[in-house]
Amino acid sequence: MLELRTGLALVAVLLGASFGRAAAAQPAAGHGAGAAAEAPPGEEGGGAELEAYRALARPPGTAGRVVSTLAVGTGIRFNNPYRLQTQLGETAESLSLTAGYLDLGVALALGPADGVQHGGALRLSIAVDGVPQESLTPSYFVAYRGLTRALAYGRLGAAILIEPDVNVGGELAVGLGYFLLAGVALSGEIVGDLFYGAATYDAAYTVYPVVSAQLGIMIDHELLP
């Protein structure tokens, strides 16, 4: 009888151990299913960091800049059939100085923030002495800033004389701005103009090439994407 009781007790102990193991295994399986549905905190952080890296690695997109300029300058005329008072030589083909002028300009360009940008510019030049004279120049504008303190740019357009006589010529200019502050720079520009004029005793069609130099201040406002 004692042996029967001992056998029954042993069976009960084995069954209890078996049920305990099955109960312990079920929470572990449930935890695994939850892990598949919801990432641990560490993995969530890794995903956010990956998205931030992808955002930084994307191309920066199109940026813009608005460039305003104020400059003063003067030029040299390579044909002087009217023997102006500023003549520098003895013949009609002699060099002569143009009147000093004030130049106001604005330009808008689009493109990579650290690369070549393209756009348009508008300049207004006003003579500050001599015969009243104004010209308006709409032009194609290209600029390159890069990672330096300098902004290089060029313009190509039509110079429209408003006064004293209406005329239209071509204009090509190259310039450089050196930034003293983030958006304020000293600027220098070389400008070449070509105009056709009235007939003279020497030529049926006169051509007036003019090369000017001007210095001023540039304000550069960047429009980042």
Protein backbone atom coordinates (compact mmCIF):
# COMPACT_ATOMS: atom_id res chain seq x y z
CA MET A 1 0.00 0.00 0.00
CA LEU A 2 2.87 2.33 0.81
CA GLU A 3 4.47 1.64 -2.51
CA LEU A 4 1.23 2.54 -4.33
CA ARG A 5 1.00 5.90 -2.53
CA THR A 6 4.64 6.63 -3.32
CA GLY A 7 4.05 5.89 -7.03
CA LEU A 8 0.99 8.12 -7.16
CA ALA A 9 2.89 11.01 -5.52
CA LEU A 10 5.73 10.67 -8.03
CA VAL A 11 3.26 10.75 -10.95
CA ALA A 12 1.64 13.89 -9.52
CA VAL A 13 5.03 15.59 -9.20
CA LEU A 14 5.91 14.77 -12.83
CA LEU A 15 2.54 16.04 -14.13
CA GLY A 16 2.89 19.28 -12.16
CA ALA A 17 6.36 19.89 -13.56
CA SER A 18 5.11 19.25 -17.11
CA PHE A 19 2.20 21.75 -16.73
CA GLY A 20 4.58 24.34 -15.27
CA ARG A 21 6.87 24.11 -18.24
CA ALA A 22 3.95 24.49 -20.68
CA ALA A 23 2.69 27.57 -18.82
CA ALA A 24 6.17 29.12 -18.83
CA ALA A 25 6.52 28.50 -22.58
CA GLN A 26 3.26 30.29 -23.50
CA PRO A 27 4.28 33.83 -22.28
CA ALA A 28 7.58 33.47 -24.12
CA ALA A 29 5.72 32.72 -27.37
CA GLY A 30 3.39 35.65 -26.75
CA HIS A 31 6.37 37.95 -26.19
CA GLY A 32 7.80 36.85 -29.52
CA ALA A 33 4.58 37.71 -31.35
CA GLY A 34 4.52 41.13 -29.70
CA ALA A 35 8.10 41.74 -30.77
CA ALA A 36 7.14 41.03 -34.37
CA ALA A 37 4.26 43.52 -34.17
CA GLU A 38 6.03 46.26 -32.21
CA ALA A 39 9.74 47.01 -32.51
CA PRO A 40 11.77 47.37 -29.30
CA PRO A 41 12.74 50.89 -28.27
CA GLY A 42 16.28 50.41 -29.55
CA GLU A 43 15.09 49.45 -33.02
CA GLU A 44 12.65 52.37 -33.13
CA GLY A 45 15.53 54.78 -32.42
CA GLY A 46 17.59 53.20 -35.18
CA GLY A 47 14.74 53.75 -37.66
CA ALA A 48 14.47 57.44 -36.78
CA GLU A 49 18.20 57.91 -37.17
CA LEU A 50 18.08 56.17 -40.54
CA GLU A 51 15.31 58.48 -41.75
CA ALA A 52 17.28 61.53 -40.57
CA TYR A 53 20.32 60.29 -42.46
CA ARG A 54 18.27 59.74 -45.60
CA ALA A 55 16.88 63.28 -45.34
CA LEU A 56 20.39 64.72 -45.06
CA ALA A 57 21.66 62.55 -47.92
CA ARG A 58 18.99 63.75 -50.36
CA PRO A 59 20.01 66.35 -53.00
CA PRO A 60 19.54 69.87 -51.58
CA GLY A 61 17.15 70.91 -54.35
CA THR A 62 16.84 74.25 -56.12
CA ALA A 63 17.93 77.37 -54.26
CA GLY A 64 17.67 80.99 -55.29
CA ARG A 65 19.36 84.30 -54.70
CA VAL A 66 18.38 87.93 -55.10
CA VAL A 67 21.33 90.21 -55.79
CA SER A 68 21.06 94.00 -55.46
CA THR A 69 23.89 96.31 -56.53
CA LEU A 70 24.78 99.97 -56.23
CA ALA A 71 27.89 101.15 -58.07
CA VAL A 72 29.63 104.13 -59.66
CA GLY A 73 31.77 103.94 -62.76
CA THR A 74 33.15 105.49 -65.90
CA GLY A 75 34.17 104.21 -69.30
CA ILE A 76 36.40 104.59 -72.32
CA ARG A 77 34.86 105.14 -75.76
CA PHE A 78 36.87 103.68 -78.66
CA ASN A 79 35.43 105.99 -81.32
CA ASN A 80 35.07 109.75 -80.96
CA PRO A 81 33.90 111.30 -84.24
CA TYR A 82 32.41 114.34 -82.52
CA ARG A 83 35.66 115.38 -80.76
CA LEU A 84 34.23 115.38 -77.27
CA GLN A 85 35.98 117.42 -74.59
CA THR A 86 37.22 114.23 -72.94
CA GLN A 87 39.10 113.14 -76.07
CA LEU A 88 42.37 111.36 -75.29
CA GLY A 89 43.91 111.46 -78.77
CA GLU A 90 44.17 113.55 -81.97
CA THR A 91 41.91 111.69 -84.43
CA ALA A 92 38.30 110.59 -84.70
CA GLU A 93 39.37 107.08 -83.78
CA SER A 94 40.98 108.33 -80.58
CA LEU A 95 39.91 107.17 -77.16
CA SER A 96 37.65 109.39 -75.08
CA LEU A 97 36.19 109.16 -71.60
CA THR A 98 32.49 108.73 -70.99
CA ALA A 99 30.63 110.64 -68.30
CA GLY A 100 30.68 109.20 -64.80
CA TYR A 101 27.53 107.28 -63.98
CA LEU A 102 25.53 105.70 -61.17
CA ASP A 103 24.42 102.10 -61.71
CA LEU A 104 21.49 100.47 -59.90
CA GLY A 105 20.76 96.79 -60.42
CA VAL A 106 18.79 93.77 -59.26
CA ALA A 107 19.10 90.13 -60.32
CA LEU A 108 17.35 86.84 -59.56
CA ALA A 109 19.00 83.45 -60.11
CA LEU A 110 17.94 79.84 -59.44
CA GLY A 111 20.03 76.68 -59.16
CA PRO A 112 22.18 74.68 -56.72
CA ALA A 113 23.07 76.64 -53.59
CA ASP A 114 26.77 75.83 -54.02
CA GLY A 115 26.87 75.71 -57.84
CA VAL A 116 26.04 77.64 -60.99
CA GLN A 117 22.74 79.53 -60.94
CA HIS A 118 20.91 81.10 -63.89
CA GLY A 119 18.38 83.92 -64.05
CA GLY A 120 17.78 87.47 -65.17
CA ALA A 121 19.00 90.95 -64.25
CA LEU A 122 17.89 94.54 -64.78
CA ARG A 123 20.25 97.53 -64.61
CA LEU A 124 19.59 101.27 -64.69
CA SER A 125 22.55 103.59 -65.39
CA ILE A 126 22.30 107.36 -64.92
CA ALA A 127 24.97 109.88 -65.94
CA VAL A 128 26.06 112.07 -63.04
CA ASP A 129 27.70 114.84 -65.12
CA GLY A 130 27.62 116.25 -68.63
CA VAL A 131 24.65 115.66 -70.92
CA PRO A 132 21.71 113.92 -69.18
CA GLN A 133 21.77 110.26 -70.18
CA GLU A 134 20.03 107.11 -68.92
CA SER A 135 20.14 103.51 -70.07
CA LEU A 136 18.14 100.44 -69.09
CA THR A 137 19.67 96.97 -69.52
CA PRO A 138 17.64 93.75 -69.21
CA SER A 139 20.01 90.78 -69.41
CA TYR A 140 20.62 87.10 -68.84
CA PHE A 141 22.39 86.55 -65.51
CA VAL A 142 24.62 83.68 -64.34
CA ALA A 143 26.28 83.44 -60.91
CA TYR A 144 28.55 81.09 -58.99
CA ARG A 145 29.08 81.34 -55.22
CA GLY A 146 30.55 77.95 -54.24
CA LEU A 147 32.00 77.64 -50.74
CA THR A 148 34.18 80.76 -50.83
CA ARG A 149 33.62 84.37 -49.77
CA ALA A 150 33.32 85.45 -53.41
CA LEU A 151 30.44 85.54 -55.89
CA ALA A 152 31.40 85.52 -59.57
CA TYR A 153 28.78 86.51 -62.11
CA GLY A 154 28.22 87.51 -65.71
CA ARG A 155 25.55 89.32 -67.73
CA LEU A 156 24.57 89.39 -71.41
CA GLY A 157 21.77 91.59 -72.68
CA ALA A 158 20.57 94.64 -74.57
CA ALA A 159 21.48 98.17 -73.43
CA ILE A 160 18.62 100.55 -74.21
CA LEU A 161 19.54 104.24 -74.28
CA ILE A 162 16.59 106.33 -73.10
CA GLU A 163 18.11 109.83 -73.26
CA PRO A 164 19.29 111.94 -75.06
CA ASP A 165 18.58 109.78 -78.16
CA VAL A 166 16.90 106.41 -78.11
CA ASN A 167 19.26 103.64 -79.20
CA VAL A 168 19.77 99.94 -78.56
CA GLY A 169 23.10 98.19 -78.20
CA GLY A 170 24.54 95.02 -76.78
CA GLU A 171 26.15 94.63 -73.38
CA LEU A 172 28.46 91.97 -71.90
CA ALA A 173 29.68 92.21 -68.31
CA VAL A 174 31.64 90.14 -65.80
CA GLY A 175 31.90 90.91 -62.11
CA LEU A 176 33.06 89.69 -58.74
CA GLY A 177 31.75 90.36 -55.25
CA TYR A 178 33.85 89.75 -52.12
CA PHE A 179 31.76 89.30 -48.99
CA LEU A 180 32.73 91.26 -45.91
CA LEU A 181 29.64 89.97 -44.09
CA ALA A 182 27.27 87.08 -44.79
CA GLY A 183 25.23 89.02 -47.37
CA VAL A 184 27.18 92.26 -47.92
CA ALA A 185 30.02 92.41 -50.43
CA LEU A 186 32.27 94.84 -52.26
CA SER A 187 31.73 94.45 -55.99
CA GLY A 188 33.72 95.23 -59.11
CA GLU A 189 32.53 94.89 -62.69
CA ILE A 190 33.91 95.26 -66.21
CA VAL A 191 31.26 96.16 -68.79
CA GLY A 192 31.53 96.14 -72.57
CA ASP A 193 28.94 97.91 -74.74
CA LEU A 194 28.55 98.19 -78.50
CA PHE A 195 26.28 100.81 -80.12
CA TYR A 196 25.55 101.84 -83.70
CA GLY A 197 25.31 105.57 -84.37
CA ALA A 198 24.43 108.08 -87.06
CA ALA A 199 26.40 108.40 -90.28
CA THR A 200 29.36 110.81 -90.51
CA TYR A 201 31.47 112.20 -93.35
CA ASP A 202 33.89 109.33 -92.85
CA ALA A 203 31.49 106.37 -92.44
CA ALA A 204 27.92 105.52 -93.43
CA TYR A 205 27.47 103.50 -90.23
CA THR A 206 29.38 104.32 -87.09
CA VAL A 207 30.12 101.83 -84.34
CA TYR A 208 30.83 102.90 -80.77
CA PRO A 209 32.52 100.31 -78.57
CA VAL A 210 32.63 101.33 -74.89
CA VAL A 211 34.43 99.57 -72.03
CA SER A 212 33.52 100.65 -68.50
CA ALA A 213 34.67 99.79 -65.00
CA GLN A 214 32.58 100.23 -61.88
CA LEU A 215 32.90 99.64 -58.14
CA GLY A 216 30.16 99.39 -55.56
CA ILE A 217 28.29 97.41 -52.94
CA MET A 218 26.39 94.17 -53.41
CA ILE A 219 23.60 92.78 -51.20
CA ASP A 220 23.03 89.04 -51.65
CA HIS A 221 19.91 87.39 -50.23
CA GLU A 222 19.84 83.58 -50.47
CA LEU A 223 16.57 81.65 -50.82
CA LEU A 224 17.34 78.14 -49.54
CA PRO A 225 15.08 75.13 -50.32
